[in-house]
Each structure stands twice: as C-alpha cells, then as structure tokens.
Amino acid sequence: MKISVIKELLHADVVCGEENLDHEVHSACGSDMMSDVLAYVKDQAVLLTGLVNPQVIRTAEMMDMQCVVFVRSKTPSEEMIRLAKESDMVILCTKKRMYEACGKLYLGGLGVNAVK
C-alpha cells in the first residue's frame, strides 16, 4: 500500500515527507509505548501512535520505519519534524483514534500489529 493511500484512508494531514507519499509499505503497528515497539515490532514500515515526543521519531528511525501517523489529533513538535525530515520520514496526523485508524488500515489491506 502506498503511503498516499494511508493518508486518504485516515483523512490525514501531511506534516512532512510529502515527496515520499508514493513509497510502498506492507505493514504497520500501533503503540504508545516505544519500549514495546523496540522489543516486539519487527519489519513494520508504519507506526501509529498518540505519543508526542522526540523519542517516537528516534524509535521509528531505529526500526527503519518510513512513516509515523499521529492519532487523536496529536501534533508533533518542531524538533520532531526536523528529526523526521533528516530521516526522510513521512509524518501524518489524523483525528481518528488508534483503534479506528488501525481498523481502517487493516480493512484497506495493510497488515496491522497492535502492540500491548
């Protein structure tokens, strides 16, 4: 699935990385606990989270994720946007809650893995 399709499915706004919306991704995970993402998530290209701090971008970068989607109308800081730009990462923001966002992506054909 292209990141542009994720944007459309979630009615999300692009914060940065618009030039990378045509990248293909095959899986996603949803979590607000970055320690769980590091411990349990493998080969996920998209992270859905409501946690807004620079550690989210650093974790996504360490895990080679291409896109971070902030749910529940959360907005990343300027520092987070700068870090994401340095990593050529797409940041999207949606008003949808995590549960609904993961469900929409799953129904759209993307493999979603919710981390406890």
PDB file of N, CA and C in Angstrom:
ATOM      1  N   MET A   1       0.848  -1.168   0.000  1.00  0.00           N
ATOM      2  CA  MET A   1       0.000   0.000   0.000  1.00  0.00           C
ATOM      3  C   MET A   1       0.897   1.236   0.000  1.00  0.00           C
ATOM      4  N   LYS A   2       0.567   2.193  -0.800  1.00  0.00           N
ATOM      5  CA  LYS A   2       1.323   3.442  -0.815  1.00  0.00           C
ATOM      6  C   LYS A   2       0.938   4.297   0.394  1.00  0.00           C
ATOM      7  N   ILE A   3       1.889   5.080   0.870  1.00  0.00           N
ATOM      8  CA  ILE A   3       1.625   5.957   1.997  1.00  0.00           C
ATOM      9  C   ILE A   3       0.519   6.943   1.643  1.00  0.00           C
ATOM     10  N   SER A   4       0.418   7.318   0.388  1.00  0.00           N
ATOM     11  CA  SER A   4      -0.653   8.226  -0.039  1.00  0.00           C
ATOM     12  C   SER A   4      -2.032   7.612   0.206  1.00  0.00           C
ATOM     13  N   VAL A   5      -2.141   6.291   0.091  1.00  0.00           N
ATOM     14  CA  VAL A   5      -3.410   5.609   0.363  1.00  0.00           C
ATOM     15  C   VAL A   5      -3.716   5.654   1.861  1.00  0.00           C
ATOM     16  N   ILE A   6      -2.679   5.478   2.692  1.00  0.00           N
ATOM     17  CA  ILE A   6      -2.855   5.598   4.143  1.00  0.00           C
ATOM     18  C   ILE A   6      -3.389   6.987   4.476  1.00  0.00           C
ATOM     19  N   LYS A   7      -2.798   7.992   3.859  1.00  0.00           N
ATOM     20  CA  LYS A   7      -3.244   9.374   4.063  1.00  0.00           C
ATOM     21  C   LYS A   7      -4.726   9.506   3.755  1.00  0.00           C
ATOM     22  N   GLU A   8      -5.149   8.939   2.640  1.00  0.00           N
ATOM     23  CA  GLU A   8      -6.555   9.040   2.233  1.00  0.00           C
ATOM     24  C   GLU A   8      -7.468   8.239   3.160  1.00  0.00           C
ATOM     25  N   LEU A   9      -7.083   7.013   3.487  1.00  0.00           N
ATOM     26  CA  LEU A   9      -7.915   6.173   4.354  1.00  0.00           C
ATOM     27  C   LEU A   9      -8.156   6.798   5.720  1.00  0.00           C
ATOM     28  N   LEU A  10      -7.133   7.489   6.226  1.00  0.00           N
ATOM     29  CA  LEU A  10      -7.219   8.072   7.564  1.00  0.00           C
ATOM     30  C   LEU A  10      -7.611   9.549   7.546  1.00  0.00           C
ATOM     31  N   HIS A  11      -7.857  10.088   6.343  1.00  0.00           N
ATOM     32  CA  HIS A  11      -8.161  11.521   6.211  1.00  0.00           C
ATOM     33  C   HIS A  11      -7.107  12.327   6.967  1.00  0.00           C
ATOM     34  N   ALA A  12      -5.853  11.972   6.737  1.00  0.00           N
ATOM     35  CA  ALA A  12      -4.738  12.551   7.491  1.00  0.00           C
ATOM     36  C   ALA A  12      -4.137  13.749   6.772  1.00  0.00           C
ATOM     37  N   ASP A  13      -3.517  14.601   7.557  1.00  0.00           N
ATOM     38  CA  ASP A  13      -2.761  15.732   7.030  1.00  0.00           C
ATOM     39  C   ASP A  13      -1.292  15.335   6.985  1.00  0.00           C
ATOM     40  N   VAL A  14      -0.588  15.794   5.950  1.00  0.00           N
ATOM     41  CA  VAL A  14       0.847  15.541   5.833  1.00  0.00           C
ATOM     42  C   VAL A  14       1.587  16.667   6.544  1.00  0.00           C
ATOM     43  N   VAL A  15       2.411  16.308   7.515  1.00  0.00           N
ATOM     44  CA  VAL A  15       3.209  17.287   8.240  1.00  0.00           C
ATOM     45  C   VAL A  15       4.556  17.462   7.551  1.00  0.00           C
ATOM     46  N   CYS A  16       5.154  16.367   7.126  1.00  0.00           N
ATOM     47  CA  CYS A  16       6.400  16.424   6.367  1.00  0.00           C
ATOM     48  C   CYS A  16       6.564  15.129   5.583  1.00  0.00           C
ATOM     49  N   GLY A  17       7.441  15.172   4.590  1.00  0.00           N
ATOM     50  CA  GLY A  17       7.722  13.993   3.782  1.00  0.00           C
ATOM     51  C   GLY A  17       6.783  13.790   2.613  1.00  0.00           C
ATOM     52  N   GLU A  18       6.125  14.844   2.176  1.00  0.00           N
ATOM     53  CA  GLU A  18       5.154  14.719   1.084  1.00  0.00           C
ATOM     54  C   GLU A  18       5.775  14.109  -0.169  1.00  0.00           C
ATOM     55  N   GLU A  19       7.061  14.320  -0.366  1.00  0.00           N
ATOM     56  CA  GLU A  19       7.744  13.768  -1.535  1.00  0.00           C
ATOM     57  C   GLU A  19       7.874  12.247  -1.467  1.00  0.00           C
ATOM     58  N   ASN A  20       7.595  11.655  -0.304  1.00  0.00           N
ATOM     59  CA  ASN A  20       7.712  10.200  -0.133  1.00  0.00           C
ATOM     60  C   ASN A  20       6.361   9.486  -0.050  1.00  0.00           C
ATOM     61  N   LEU A  21       5.292  10.164  -0.383  1.00  0.00           N
ATOM     62  CA  LEU A  21       3.962   9.556  -0.291  1.00  0.00           C
ATOM     63  C   LEU A  21       3.778   8.382  -1.246  1.00  0.00           C
ATOM     64  N   ASP A  22       4.613   8.280  -2.268  1.00  0.00           N
ATOM     65  CA  ASP A  22       4.479   7.173  -3.222  1.00  0.00           C
ATOM     66  C   ASP A  22       5.226   5.915  -2.778  1.00  0.00           C
ATOM     67  N   HIS A  23       5.880   5.949  -1.611  1.00  0.00           N
ATOM     68  CA  HIS A  23       6.581   4.766  -1.100  1.00  0.00           C
ATOM     69  C   HIS A  23       5.583   3.679  -0.723  1.00  0.00           C
ATOM     70  N   GLU A  24       5.945   2.441  -1.017  1.00  0.00           N
ATOM     71  CA  GLU A  24       5.116   1.278  -0.693  1.00  0.00           C
ATOM     72  C   GLU A  24       5.453   0.778   0.709  1.00  0.00           C
ATOM     73  N   VAL A  25       4.420   0.468   1.471  1.00  0.00           N
ATOM     74  CA  VAL A  25       4.588  -0.139   2.790  1.00  0.00           C
ATOM     75  C   VAL A  25       3.695  -1.367   2.862  1.00  0.00           C
ATOM     76  N   HIS A  26       4.077  -2.336   3.699  1.00  0.00           N
ATOM     77  CA  HIS A  26       3.338  -3.594   3.749  1.00  0.00           C
ATOM     78  C   HIS A  26       2.791  -3.935   5.123  1.00  0.00           C
ATOM     79  N   SER A  27       3.189  -3.154   6.135  1.00  0.00           N
ATOM     80  CA  SER A  27       2.720  -3.467   7.482  1.00  0.00           C
ATOM     81  C   SER A  27       2.779  -2.222   8.351  1.00  0.00           C
ATOM     82  N   ALA A  28       2.088  -2.308   9.481  1.00  0.00           N
ATOM     83  CA  ALA A  28       2.050  -1.195  10.423  1.00  0.00           C
ATOM     84  C   ALA A  28       1.887  -1.732  11.830  1.00  0.00           C
ATOM     85  N   CYS A  29       2.172  -0.885  12.801  1.00  0.00           N
ATOM     86  CA  CYS A  29       1.909  -1.244  14.192  1.00  0.00           C
ATOM     87  C   CYS A  29       1.364  -0.019  14.909  1.00  0.00           C
ATOM     88  N   GLY A  30       0.593  -0.265  15.947  1.00  0.00           N
ATOM     89  CA  GLY A  30       0.038   0.813  16.736  1.00  0.00           C
ATOM     90  C   GLY A  30       0.451   0.654  18.183  1.00  0.00           C
ATOM     91  N   SER A  31       1.091   1.686  18.761  1.00  0.00           N
ATOM     92  CA  SER A  31       1.511   1.611  20.153  1.00  0.00           C
ATOM     93  C   SER A  31       1.858   2.999  20.665  1.00  0.00           C
ATOM     94  N   ASP A  32       1.606   3.209  21.963  1.00  0.00           N
ATOM     95  CA  ASP A  32       2.042   4.423  22.631  1.00  0.00           C
ATOM     96  C   ASP A  32       3.262   4.152  23.511  1.00  0.00           C
ATOM     97  N   MET A  33       3.720   2.910  23.530  1.00  0.00           N
ATOM     98  CA  MET A  33       4.883   2.552  24.346  1.00  0.00           C
ATOM     99  C   MET A  33       6.057   2.202  23.433  1.00  0.00           C
ATOM    100  N   MET A  34       7.022   3.112  23.362  1.00  0.00           N
ATOM    101  CA  MET A  34       8.146   2.911  22.459  1.00  0.00           C
ATOM    102  C   MET A  34       9.015   1.742  22.888  1.00  0.00           C
ATOM    103  N   SER A  35       9.060   1.429  24.172  1.00  0.00           N
ATOM    104  CA  SER A  35       9.833   0.267  24.622  1.00  0.00           C
ATOM    105  C   SER A  35       9.240  -1.013  24.040  1.00  0.00           C
ATOM    106  N   ASP A  36       7.920  -1.093  23.931  1.00  0.00           N
ATOM    107  CA  ASP A  36       7.289  -2.260  23.316  1.00  0.00           C
ATOM    108  C   ASP A  36       7.550  -2.308  21.819  1.00  0.00           C
ATOM    109  N   VAL A  37       7.561  -1.158  21.186  1.00  0.00           N
ATOM    110  CA  VAL A  37       7.869  -1.118  19.752  1.00  0.00           C
ATOM    111  C   VAL A  37       9.272  -1.676  19.528  1.00  0.00           C
ATOM    112  N   LEU A  38      10.219  -1.247  20.339  1.00  0.00           N
ATOM    113  CA  LEU A  38      11.597  -1.737  20.203  1.00  0.00           C
ATOM    114  C   LEU A  38      11.702  -3.229  20.492  1.00  0.00           C
ATOM    115  N   ALA A  39      10.945  -3.709  21.455  1.00  0.00           N
ATOM    116  CA  ALA A  39      11.063  -5.102  21.888  1.00  0.00           C
ATOM    117  C   ALA A  39      10.300  -6.077  21.009  1.00  0.00           C
ATOM    118  N   TYR A  40       9.165  -5.692  20.494  1.00  0.00           N
ATOM    119  CA  TYR A  40       8.278  -6.664  19.854  1.00  0.00           C
ATOM    120  C   TYR A  40       8.001  -6.443  18.375  1.00  0.00           C
ATOM    121  N   VAL A  41       8.294  -5.282  17.869  1.00  0.00           N
ATOM    122  CA  VAL A  41       7.918  -4.973  16.490  1.00  0.00           C
ATOM    123  C   VAL A  41       9.080  -5.257  15.555  1.00  0.00           C
ATOM    124  N   LYS A  42       8.799  -6.020  14.522  1.00  0.00           N
ATOM    125  CA  LYS A  42       9.803  -6.326  13.509  1.00  0.00           C
ATOM    126  C   LYS A  42       9.201  -6.085  12.124  1.00  0.00           C
ATOM    127  N   ASP A  43       9.975  -5.500  11.255  1.00  0.00           N
ATOM    128  CA  ASP A  43       9.593  -5.308   9.855  1.00  0.00           C
ATOM    129  C   ASP A  43       8.283  -4.544   9.682  1.00  0.00           C
ATOM    130  N   GLN A  44       8.072  -3.532  10.505  1.00  0.00           N
ATOM    131  CA  GLN A  44       6.898  -2.680  10.349  1.00  0.00           C
ATOM    132  C   GLN A  44       7.351  -1.378   9.691  1.00  0.00           C
ATOM    133  N   ALA A  45       6.611  -0.919   8.714  1.00  0.00           N
ATOM    134  CA  ALA A  45       7.003   0.283   7.988  1.00  0.00           C
ATOM    135  C   ALA A  45       6.290   1.533   8.473  1.00  0.00           C
ATOM    136  N   VAL A  46       5.168   1.358   9.193  1.00  0.00           N
ATOM    137  CA  VAL A  46       4.369   2.495   9.652  1.00  0.00           C
ATOM    138  C   VAL A  46       4.098   2.335  11.144  1.00  0.00           C
ATOM    139  N   LEU A  47       4.277   3.420  11.886  1.00  0.00           N
ATOM    140  CA  LEU A  47       3.968   3.433  13.317  1.00  0.00           C
ATOM    141  C   LEU A  47       2.801   4.370  13.555  1.00  0.00           C
ATOM    142  N   LEU A  48       1.750   3.870  14.198  1.00  0.00           N
ATOM    143  CA  LEU A  48       0.632   4.704  14.627  1.00  0.00           C
ATOM    144  C   LEU A  48       0.758   4.905  16.119  1.00  0.00           C
ATOM    145  N   THR A  49       0.695   6.154  16.566  1.00  0.00           N
ATOM    146  CA  THR A  49       0.871   6.446  17.986  1.00  0.00           C
ATOM    147  C   THR A  49       0.183   7.741  18.372  1.00  0.00           C
ATOM    148  N   GLY A  50      -0.110   7.858  19.649  1.00  0.00           N
ATOM    149  CA  GLY A  50      -0.626   9.093  20.208  1.00  0.00           C
ATOM    150  C   GLY A  50       0.403   9.774  21.088  1.00  0.00           C
ATOM    151  N   LEU A  51       1.574   9.165  21.189  1.00  0.00           N
ATOM    152  CA  LEU A  51       2.659   9.708  22.000  1.00  0.00           C
ATOM    153  C   LEU A  51       3.395  10.768  21.187  1.00  0.00           C
ATOM    154  N   VAL A  52       3.553  11.946  21.768  1.00  0.00           N
ATOM    155  CA  VAL A  52       4.201  13.047  21.050  1.00  0.00           C
ATOM    156  C   VAL A  52       5.448  13.479  21.810  1.00  0.00           C
ATOM    157  N   ASN A  53       6.573  12.877  21.437  1.00  0.00           N
ATOM    158  CA  ASN A  53       7.879  13.328  21.932  1.00  0.00           C
ATOM    159  C   ASN A  53       8.946  12.850  20.954  1.00  0.00           C
ATOM    160  N   PRO A  54      10.121  13.448  20.986  1.00  0.00           N
ATOM    161  CA  PRO A  54      11.164  13.106  20.014  1.00  0.00           C
ATOM    162  C   PRO A  54      11.546  11.625  20.001  1.00  0.00           C
ATOM    163  N   GLN A  55      11.352  10.940  21.121  1.00  0.00           N
ATOM    164  CA  GLN A  55      11.703   9.519  21.184  1.00  0.00           C
ATOM    165  C   GLN A  55      10.911   8.699  20.155  1.00  0.00           C
ATOM    166  N   VAL A  56       9.719   9.146  19.807  1.00  0.00           N
ATOM    167  CA  VAL A  56       8.914   8.447  18.806  1.00  0.00           C
ATOM    168  C   VAL A  56       9.650   8.429  17.465  1.00  0.00           C
ATOM    169  N   ILE A  57      10.167   9.562  17.063  1.00  0.00           N
ATOM    170  CA  ILE A  57      10.873   9.648  15.774  1.00  0.00           C
ATOM    171  C   ILE A  57      12.173   8.856  15.840  1.00  0.00           C
ATOM    172  N   ARG A  58      12.878   8.949  16.950  1.00  0.00           N
ATOM    173  CA  ARG A  58      14.133   8.190  17.101  1.00  0.00           C
ATOM    174  C   ARG A  58      13.868   6.683  17.061  1.00  0.00           C
ATOM    175  N   THR A  59      12.798   6.254  17.710  1.00  0.00           N
ATOM    176  CA  THR A  59      12.441   4.833  17.696  1.00  0.00           C
ATOM    177  C   THR A  59      12.079   4.395  16.286  1.00  0.00           C
ATOM    178  N   ALA A  60      11.267   5.167  15.609  1.00  0.00           N
ATOM    179  CA  ALA A  60      10.876   4.832  14.234  1.00  0.00           C
ATOM    180  C   ALA A  60      12.097   4.763  13.326  1.00  0.00           C
ATOM    181  N   GLU A  61      13.031   5.678  13.521  1.00  0.00           N
ATOM    182  CA  GLU A  61      14.254   5.674  12.721  1.00  0.00           C
ATOM    183  C   GLU A  61      15.077   4.412  12.994  1.00  0.00           C
ATOM    184  N   MET A  62      15.231   4.046  14.267  1.00  0.00           N
ATOM    185  CA  MET A  62      15.994   2.836  14.622  1.00  0.00           C
ATOM    186  C   MET A  62      15.365   1.583  14.027  1.00  0.00           C
ATOM    187  N   MET A  63      14.047   1.583  13.889  1.00  0.00           N
ATOM    188  CA  MET A  63      13.321   0.417  13.385  1.00  0.00           C
ATOM    189  C   MET A  63      13.108   0.487  11.874  1.00  0.00           C
ATOM    190  N   ASP A  64      13.751   1.447  11.208  1.00  0.00           N
ATOM    191  CA  ASP A  64      13.662   1.633   9.754  1.00  0.00           C
ATOM    192  C   ASP A  64      12.231   1.837   9.274  1.00  0.00           C
ATOM    193  N   MET A  65      11.436   2.536  10.055  1.00  0.00           N
ATOM    194  CA  MET A  65      10.060   2.840   9.655  1.00  0.00           C
ATOM    195  C   MET A  65      10.060   4.025   8.703  1.00  0.00           C
ATOM    196  N   GLN A  66       9.141   4.005   7.768  1.00  0.00           N
ATOM    197  CA  GLN A  66       9.075   5.054   6.754  1.00  0.00           C
ATOM    198  C   GLN A  66       8.067   6.140   7.084  1.00  0.00           C
ATOM    199  N   CYS A  67       7.146   5.839   7.998  1.00  0.00           N
ATOM    200  CA  CYS A  67       6.048   6.761   8.250  1.00  0.00           C
ATOM    201  C   CYS A  67       5.580   6.652   9.700  1.00  0.00           C
ATOM    202  N   VAL A  68       5.281   7.807  10.299  1.00  0.00           N
ATOM    203  CA  VAL A  68       4.658   7.853  11.618  1.00  0.00           C
ATOM    204  C   VAL A  68       3.324   8.568  11.463  1.00  0.00           C
ATOM    205  N   VAL A  69       2.274   7.941  11.993  1.00  0.00           N
ATOM    206  CA  VAL A  69       0.942   8.540  11.972  1.00  0.00           C
ATOM    207  C   VAL A  69       0.570   8.879  13.408  1.00  0.00           C
ATOM    208  N   PHE A  70       0.351  10.158  13.669  1.00  0.00           N
ATOM    209  CA  PHE A  70      -0.100  10.583  14.990  1.00  0.00           C
ATOM    210  C   PHE A  70      -1.618  10.584  15.001  1.00  0.00           C
ATOM    211  N   VAL A  71      -2.180   9.837  15.938  1.00  0.00           N
ATOM    212  CA  VAL A  71      -3.633   9.687  16.044  1.00  0.00           C
ATOM    213  C   VAL A  71      -4.177  10.667  17.092  1.00  0.00           C
ATOM    214  N   ARG A  72      -5.489  10.734  17.200  1.00  0.00           N
ATOM    215  CA  ARG A  72      -6.177  11.556  18.203  1.00  0.00           C
ATOM    216  C   ARG A  72      -5.803  13.033  18.111  1.00  0.00           C
ATOM    217  N   SER A  73      -5.591  13.524  16.886  1.00  0.00           N
ATOM    218  CA  SER A  73      -5.285  14.944  16.636  1.00  0.00           C
ATOM    219  C   SER A  73      -4.008  15.421  17.312  1.00  0.00           C
ATOM    220  N   LYS A  74      -3.106  14.507  17.620  1.00  0.00           N
ATOM    221  CA  LYS A  74      -1.829  14.891  18.224  1.00  0.00           C
ATOM    222  C   LYS A  74      -0.961  15.578  17.168  1.00  0.00           C
ATOM    223  N   THR A  75      -0.173  16.544  17.607  1.00  0.00           N
ATOM    224  CA  THR A  75       0.661  17.320  16.692  1.00  0.00           C
ATOM    225  C   THR A  75       2.120  17.238  17.135  1.00  0.00           C
ATOM    226  N   PRO A  76       3.020  16.855  16.223  1.00  0.00           N
ATOM    227  CA  PRO A  76       4.441  16.766  16.588  1.00  0.00           C
ATOM    228  C   PRO A  76       5.067  18.150  16.764  1.00  0.00           C
ATOM    229  N   SER A  77       6.101  18.195  17.584  1.00  0.00           N
ATOM    230  CA  SER A  77       6.841  19.444  17.814  1.00  0.00           C
ATOM    231  C   SER A  77       7.746  19.743  16.616  1.00  0.00           C
ATOM    232  N   GLU A  78       8.281  20.951  16.603  1.00  0.00           N
ATOM    233  CA  GLU A  78       9.217  21.337  15.539  1.00  0.00           C
ATOM    234  C   GLU A  78      10.460  20.446  15.563  1.00  0.00           C
ATOM    235  N   GLU A  79      10.923  20.091  16.766  1.00  0.00           N
ATOM    236  CA  GLU A  79      12.086  19.201  16.875  1.00  0.00           C
ATOM    237  C   GLU A  79      11.789  17.848  16.243  1.00  0.00           C
ATOM    238  N   MET A  80      10.591  17.315  16.479  1.00  0.00           N
ATOM    239  CA  MET A  80      10.202  16.027  15.900  1.00  0.00           C
ATOM    240  C   MET A  80      10.140  16.114  14.381  1.00  0.00           C
ATOM    241  N   ILE A  81       9.611  17.206  13.881  1.00  0.00           N
ATOM    242  CA  ILE A  81       9.512  17.392  12.432  1.00  0.00           C
ATOM    243  C   ILE A  81      10.908  17.466  11.821  1.00  0.00           C
ATOM    244  N   ARG A  82      11.802  18.185  12.491  1.00  0.00           N
ATOM    245  CA  ARG A  82      13.186  18.279  12.000  1.00  0.00           C
ATOM    246  C   ARG A  82      13.847  16.905  11.961  1.00  0.00           C
ATOM    247  N   LEU A  83      13.686  16.117  13.027  1.00  0.00           N
ATOM    248  CA  LEU A  83      14.264  14.771  13.060  1.00  0.00           C
ATOM    249  C   LEU A  83      13.694  13.895  11.943  1.00  0.00           C
ATOM    250  N   ALA A  84      12.401  13.996  11.718  1.00  0.00           N
ATOM    251  CA  ALA A  84      11.765  13.196  10.669  1.00  0.00           C
ATOM    252  C   ALA A  84      12.273  13.600   9.288  1.00  0.00           C
ATOM    253  N   LYS A  85      12.426  14.887   9.060  1.00  0.00           N
ATOM    254  CA  LYS A  85      12.945  15.363   7.771  1.00  0.00           C
ATOM    255  C   LYS A  85      14.361  14.856   7.531  1.00  0.00           C
ATOM    256  N   GLU A  86      15.180  14.848   8.582  1.00  0.00           N
ATOM    257  CA  GLU A  86      16.556  14.357   8.462  1.00  0.00           C
ATOM    258  C   GLU A  86      16.591  12.882   8.066  1.00  0.00           C
ATOM    259  N   SER A  87      15.541  12.137   8.405  1.00  0.00           N
ATOM    260  CA  SER A  87      15.469  10.699   8.103  1.00  0.00           C
ATOM    261  C   SER A  87      14.594  10.391   6.899  1.00  0.00           C
ATOM    262  N   ASP A  88      14.161  11.424   6.171  1.00  0.00           N
ATOM    263  CA  ASP A  88      13.263  11.242   5.024  1.00  0.00           C
ATOM    264  C   ASP A  88      12.010  10.463   5.404  1.00  0.00           C
ATOM    265  N   MET A  89      11.483  10.745   6.578  1.00  0.00           N
ATOM    266  CA  MET A  89      10.318  10.051   7.108  1.00  0.00           C
ATOM    267  C   MET A  89       9.063  10.887   6.853  1.00  0.00           C
ATOM    268  N   VAL A  90       7.974  10.210   6.566  1.00  0.00           N
ATOM    269  CA  VAL A  90       6.688  10.877   6.411  1.00  0.00           C
ATOM    270  C   VAL A  90       6.017  10.961   7.778  1.00  0.00           C
ATOM    271  N   ILE A  91       5.477  12.123   8.093  1.00  0.00           N
ATOM    272  CA  ILE A  91       4.655  12.273   9.298  1.00  0.00           C
ATOM    273  C   ILE A  91       3.253  12.667   8.852  1.00  0.00           C
ATOM    274  N   LEU A  92       2.284  11.895   9.338  1.00  0.00           N
ATOM    275  CA  LEU A  92       0.875  12.175   9.090  1.00  0.00           C
ATOM    276  C   LEU A  92       0.175  12.402  10.424  1.00  0.00           C
ATOM    277  N   CYS A  93      -0.886  13.198  10.419  1.00  0.00           N
ATOM    278  CA  CYS A  93      -1.711  13.420  11.610  1.00  0.00           C
ATOM    279  C   CYS A  93      -3.168  13.182  11.239  1.00  0.00           C
ATOM    280  N   THR A  94      -3.860  12.420  12.081  1.00  0.00           N
ATOM    281  CA  THR A  94      -5.271  12.134  11.859  1.00  0.00           C
ATOM    282  C   THR A  94      -6.066  12.398  13.137  1.00  0.00           C
ATOM    283  N   LYS A  95      -7.327  12.706  12.970  1.00  0.00           N
ATOM    284  CA  LYS A  95      -8.221  12.902  14.113  1.00  0.00           C
ATOM    285  C   LYS A  95      -8.711  11.564  14.669  1.00  0.00           C
ATOM    286  N   LYS A  96      -8.533  10.509  13.899  1.00  0.00           N
ATOM    287  CA  LYS A  96      -9.050   9.198  14.296  1.00  0.00           C
ATOM    288  C   LYS A  96      -8.309   8.659  15.516  1.00  0.00           C
ATOM    289  N   ARG A  97      -9.018   7.869  16.304  1.00  0.00           N
ATOM    290  CA  ARG A  97      -8.400   7.184  17.438  1.00  0.00           C
ATOM    291  C   ARG A  97      -7.593   5.995  16.915  1.00  0.00           C
ATOM    292  N   MET A  98      -6.704   5.498  17.735  1.00  0.00           N
ATOM    293  CA  MET A  98      -5.817   4.399  17.333  1.00  0.00           C
ATOM    294  C   MET A  98      -6.604   3.191  16.826  1.00  0.00           C
ATOM    295  N   TYR A  99      -7.621   2.794  17.571  1.00  0.00           N
ATOM    296  CA  TYR A  99      -8.409   1.616  17.223  1.00  0.00           C
ATOM    297  C   TYR A  99      -9.026   1.758  15.830  1.00  0.00           C
ATOM    298  N   GLU A 100      -9.652   2.892  15.581  1.00  0.00           N
ATOM    299  CA  GLU A 100     -10.283   3.113  14.282  1.00  0.00           C
ATOM    300  C   GLU A 100      -9.248   3.197  13.168  1.00  0.00           C
ATOM    301  N   ALA A 101      -8.138   3.890  13.417  1.00  0.00           N
ATOM    302  CA  ALA A 101      -7.097   4.036  12.401  1.00  0.00           C
ATOM    303  C   ALA A 101      -6.508   2.677  12.018  1.00  0.00           C
ATOM    304  N   CYS A 102      -6.197   1.846  13.013  1.00  0.00           N
ATOM    305  CA  CYS A 102      -5.662   0.510  12.734  1.00  0.00           C
ATOM    306  C   CYS A 102      -6.690  -0.321  11.965  1.00  0.00           C
ATOM    307  N   GLY A 103      -7.945  -0.232  12.369  1.00  0.00           N
ATOM    308  CA  GLY A 103      -9.002  -0.981  11.690  1.00  0.00           C
ATOM    309  C   GLY A 103      -9.150  -0.573  10.238  1.00  0.00           C
ATOM    310  N   LYS A 104      -9.105   0.719   9.964  1.00  0.00           N
ATOM    311  CA  LYS A 104      -9.235   1.193   8.585  1.00  0.00           C
ATOM    312  C   LYS A 104      -8.066   0.717   7.719  1.00  0.00           C
ATOM    313  N   LEU A 105      -6.869   0.738   8.278  1.00  0.00           N
ATOM    314  CA  LEU A 105      -5.708   0.270   7.516  1.00  0.00           C
ATOM    315  C   LEU A 105      -5.786  -1.232   7.281  1.00  0.00           C
ATOM    316  N   TYR A 106      -6.219  -1.969   8.288  1.00  0.00           N
ATOM    317  CA  TYR A 106      -6.365  -3.421   8.137  1.00  0.00           C
ATOM    318  C   TYR A 106      -7.404  -3.748   7.063  1.00  0.00           C
ATOM    319  N   LEU A 107      -8.547  -3.099   7.123  1.00  0.00           N
ATOM    320  CA  LEU A 107      -9.588  -3.334   6.123  1.00  0.00           C
ATOM    321  C   LEU A 107      -9.139  -2.892   4.733  1.00  0.00           C
ATOM    322  N   GLY A 108      -8.247  -1.915   4.693  1.00  0.00           N
ATOM    323  CA  GLY A 108      -7.708  -1.447   3.421  1.00  0.00           C
ATOM    324  C   GLY A 108      -6.653  -2.369   2.838  1.00  0.00           C
ATOM    325  N   GLY A 109      -6.226  -3.387   3.618  1.00  0.00           N
ATOM    326  CA  GLY A 109      -5.281  -4.371   3.102  1.00  0.00           C
ATOM    327  C   GLY A 109      -3.888  -4.299   3.682  1.00  0.00           C
ATOM    328  N   LEU A 110      -3.671  -3.436   4.654  1.00  0.00           N
ATOM    329  CA  LEU A 110      -2.342  -3.316   5.266  1.00  0.00           C
ATOM    330  C   LEU A 110      -2.290  -4.203   6.513  1.00  0.00           C
ATOM    331  N   GLY A 111      -1.215  -4.949   6.677  1.00  0.00           N
ATOM    332  CA  GLY A 111      -1.060  -5.782   7.875  1.00  0.00           C
ATOM    333  C   GLY A 111      -0.793  -4.900   9.079  1.00  0.00           C
ATOM    334  N   VAL A 112      -1.658  -4.948  10.078  1.00  0.00           N
ATOM    335  CA  VAL A 112      -1.532  -4.111  11.259  1.00  0.00           C
ATOM    336  C   VAL A 112      -1.279  -4.982  12.477  1.00  0.00           C
ATOM    337  N   ASN A 113      -0.335  -4.560  13.316  1.00  0.00           N
ATOM    338  CA  ASN A 113       0.044  -5.290  14.503  1.00  0.00           C
ATOM    339  C   ASN A 113      -0.061  -4.353  15.705  1.00  0.00           C
ATOM    340  N   ALA A 114      -1.050  -4.550  16.555  1.00  0.00           N
ATOM    341  CA  ALA A 114      -1.198  -3.707  17.749  1.00  0.00           C
ATOM    342  C   ALA A 114      -0.328  -4.266  18.863  1.00  0.00           C
ATOM    343  N   VAL A 115       0.532  -3.438  19.414  1.00  0.00           N
ATOM    344  CA  VAL A 115       1.424  -3.855  20.483  1.00  0.00           C
ATOM    345  C   VAL A 115       0.778  -3.484  21.800  1.00  0.00           C
ATOM    346  N   LYS A 116       0.777  -4.420  22.750  1.00  0.00           N
ATOM    347  CA  LYS A 116       0.177  -4.139  24.064  1.00  0.00           C
ATOM    348  C   LYS A 116       1.036  -3.202  24.851  1.00  0.00           C
TER     349      LYS A 116
END
